Every structure is written in structure tokens, then in C-alpha cells.
C-alpha atoms as a PDB file:
ATOM      1  CA  MET A   1     -21.677  19.946  -1.999  1.00  0.00           C
ATOM      2  CA  ALA A   2     -20.826  21.101   1.515  1.00  0.00           C
ATOM      3  CA  VAL A   3     -17.683  20.538   3.489  1.00  0.00           C
ATOM      4  CA  LEU A   4     -17.898  20.116   7.243  1.00  0.00           C
ATOM      5  CA  HIS A   5     -14.940  20.495   9.545  1.00  0.00           C
ATOM      6  CA  ILE A   6     -15.309  18.204  12.554  1.00  0.00           C
ATOM      7  CA  THR A   7     -13.132  18.299  15.632  1.00  0.00           C
ATOM      8  CA  TYR A   8     -13.540  15.359  17.989  1.00  0.00           C
ATOM      9  CA  GLN A   9     -11.578  14.718  21.146  1.00  0.00           C
ATOM     10  CA  PRO A  10     -12.870  11.705  23.036  1.00  0.00           C
ATOM     11  CA  HIS A  11     -12.788  11.750  26.818  1.00  0.00           C
ATOM     12  CA  MET A  12     -10.231   9.391  28.273  1.00  0.00           C
ATOM     13  CA  GLN A  13     -13.051   7.132  29.488  1.00  0.00           C
ATOM     14  CA  THR A  14     -14.775   6.873  26.088  1.00  0.00           C
ATOM     15  CA  ASP A  15     -14.560   3.260  24.982  1.00  0.00           C
ATOM     16  CA  ASN A  16     -12.747   2.262  21.821  1.00  0.00           C
ATOM     17  CA  ALA A  17     -15.914   0.892  20.203  1.00  0.00           C
ATOM     18  CA  ALA A  18     -17.600   4.305  20.439  1.00  0.00           C
ATOM     19  CA  TYR A  19     -14.525   6.017  18.997  1.00  0.00           C
ATOM     20  CA  ALA A  20     -14.328   3.473  16.177  1.00  0.00           C
ATOM     21  CA  GLY A  21     -18.034   3.964  15.438  1.00  0.00           C
ATOM     22  CA  PHE A  22     -17.552   7.726  15.260  1.00  0.00           C
ATOM     23  CA  CYS A  23     -14.625   7.316  12.850  1.00  0.00           C
ATOM     24  CA  ASN A  24     -16.566   4.818  10.715  1.00  0.00           C
ATOM     25  CA  VAL A  25     -19.383   7.321  10.250  1.00  0.00           C
ATOM     26  CA  LEU A  26     -16.869   9.922   9.069  1.00  0.00           C
ATOM     27  CA  LYS A  27     -15.225   7.397   6.742  1.00  0.00           C
ATOM     28  CA  SER A  28     -18.620   6.687   5.151  1.00  0.00           C
ATOM     29  CA  TYR A  29     -18.347  10.143   3.554  1.00  0.00           C
ATOM     30  CA  GLN A  30     -15.744  11.500   1.191  1.00  0.00           C
ATOM     31  CA  SER A  31     -13.432  12.447   4.038  1.00  0.00           C
ATOM     32  CA  MET A  32      -9.935  13.316   5.053  1.00  0.00           C
ATOM     33  CA  ARG A  33      -8.361  13.162   8.458  1.00  0.00           C
ATOM     34  CA  LEU A  34      -6.538  16.472   8.849  1.00  0.00           C
ATOM     35  CA  SER A  35      -4.942  15.688  12.203  1.00  0.00           C
ATOM     36  CA  LYS A  36      -5.467  13.412  15.185  1.00  0.00           C
ATOM     37  CA  SER A  37      -8.652  15.237  16.178  1.00  0.00           C
ATOM     38  CA  ASN A  38      -9.770  16.984  12.973  1.00  0.00           C
ATOM     39  CA  TRP A  39     -11.643  15.723   9.930  1.00  0.00           C
ATOM     40  CA  ALA A  40     -13.088  17.303   6.807  1.00  0.00           C
ATOM     41  CA  ILE A  41     -16.024  15.585   5.143  1.00  0.00           C
ATOM     42  CA  SER A  42     -17.806  16.356   1.913  1.00  0.00           C
ATOM     43  CA  THR A  43     -21.540  15.733   1.912  1.00  0.00           C
ATOM     44  CA  GLU A  44     -24.845  16.714   0.369  1.00  0.00           C
ATOM     45  CA  GLU A  45     -26.506  16.184   3.764  1.00  0.00           C
ATOM     46  CA  PRO A  46     -27.267  19.077   6.093  1.00  0.00           C
ATOM     47  CA  PRO A  47     -25.088  19.219   9.225  1.00  0.00           C
ATOM     48  CA  LYS A  48     -28.105  18.206  11.330  1.00  0.00           C
ATOM     49  CA  ASP A  49     -28.304  14.851   9.528  1.00  0.00           C
ATOM     50  CA  VAL A  50     -24.578  14.215   9.964  1.00  0.00           C
ATOM     51  CA  TRP A  51     -24.942  15.053  13.659  1.00  0.00           C
ATOM     52  CA  GLN A  52     -27.783  12.531  13.998  1.00  0.00           C
ATOM     53  CA  LYS A  53     -25.451   9.788  12.736  1.00  0.00           C
ATOM     54  CA  LEU A  54     -22.547  10.830  14.966  1.00  0.00           C
ATOM     55  CA  LYS A  55     -24.268  11.581  18.263  1.00  0.00           C
ATOM     56  CA  ARG A  56     -24.862   7.959  19.226  1.00  0.00           C
ATOM     57  CA  TYR A  57     -21.076   7.521  19.493  1.00  0.00           C
ATOM     58  CA  ILE A  58     -20.437  10.670  21.529  1.00  0.00           C
ATOM     59  CA  ASP A  59     -20.120  10.547  25.289  1.00  0.00           C
ATOM     60  CA  PRO A  60     -21.343  13.639  27.200  1.00  0.00           C
ATOM     61  CA  HIS A  61     -17.730  14.246  28.268  1.00  0.00           C
ATOM     62  CA  ASP A  62     -16.304  14.168  24.732  1.00  0.00           C
ATOM     63  CA  TYR A  63     -15.418  17.377  22.912  1.00  0.00           C
ATOM     64  CA  VAL A  64     -17.034  17.850  19.489  1.00  0.00           C
ATOM     65  CA  VAL A  65     -17.269  20.839  17.158  1.00  0.00           C
ATOM     66  CA  MET A  66     -18.780  20.643  13.678  1.00  0.00           C
ATOM     67  CA  LEU A  67     -18.522  23.668  11.407  1.00  0.00           C
ATOM     68  CA  PRO A  68     -19.632  24.072   7.803  1.00  0.00           C
ATOM     69  CA  LEU A  69     -16.899  25.515   5.595  1.00  0.00           C
ATOM     70  CA  ASP A  70     -17.850  28.085   2.984  1.00  0.00           C
ATOM     71  CA  ALA A  71     -15.164  28.472   0.321  1.00  0.00           C
ATOM     72  CA  ARG A  72     -16.320  32.019  -0.391  1.00  0.00           C
ATOM     73  CA  LEU A  73     -15.112  33.066   3.053  1.00  0.00           C
ATOM     74  CA  LEU A  74     -11.688  31.423   2.899  1.00  0.00           C
ATOM     75  CA  THR A  75      -8.351  32.893   1.904  1.00  0.00           C
ATOM     76  CA  ALA A  76      -6.924  31.921  -1.478  1.00  0.00           C
ATOM     77  CA  GLN A  77      -4.538  29.413   0.159  1.00  0.00           C
ATOM     78  CA  ALA A  78      -7.316  27.881   2.241  1.00  0.00           C
ATOM     79  CA  GLN A  79      -9.479  27.589  -0.893  1.00  0.00           C
ATOM     80  CA  LYS A  80      -6.682  25.630  -2.597  1.00  0.00           C
ATOM     81  CA  ILE A  81      -6.516  23.275   0.356  1.00  0.00           C
ATOM     82  CA  LEU A  82     -10.290  22.856   0.364  1.00  0.00           C
ATOM     83  CA  GLN A  83     -10.276  22.114  -3.382  1.00  0.00           C
ATOM     84  CA  TRP A  84      -7.576  19.507  -2.776  1.00  0.00           C
ATOM     85  CA  VAL A  85      -9.674  17.890  -0.026  1.00  0.00           C
ATOM     86  CA  LEU A  86     -12.725  17.782  -2.285  1.00  0.00           C
ATOM     87  CA  ALA A  87     -10.753  16.279  -5.172  1.00  0.00           C
ATOM     88  CA  ARG A  88      -9.585  13.276  -3.136  1.00  0.00           C
ATOM     89  CA  PRO A  89     -11.377   9.977  -3.860  1.00  0.00           C
END
């Protein structure tokens, strides 16, 4: 199971329906909102497939970064946090 860290900052002109659609896609996964603009999702899908679902809600002026997280590369504290995220229902 992979964990993706997604940062999304909508442009001020992005409509609320697009933002809600973006959030609904993220909520369709085992997910956790880490802050106003940051999410962690757990998925068996490759990042490319997640991107395909999200991109229809992203305006060209929005800011989006999606990074796979590899627990082997994290500090011990970060690994504990990642395990906590993955354990959430």
C-alpha cells in the first residue's frame, strides 16, 4: 500500500464545485487532511491513476504537488506518524 502526500492550493478564482470535487476524490481513499492544503492518502493505485481522477477538478492556476511517501526514507518520528495515518479508518 502506498501513501501519497498531496498539497493543493486552489487559485482564488477556482469555483467551489471544483474544490469540492477535488476533496471528494481524496475522501474516496483512506485519507487524512493534515492541514488546510495538505492531505495524505493510502492507495493501491499508482500516482498516475490518482492524478487522472484529480486533474478534472484542477484549474491551470491552482497549485498541486503529489509525492509518494516511502517509509524507508523517513525518520523514526515520521514513520510513527505515517503508521498512525495508515491505521486510521
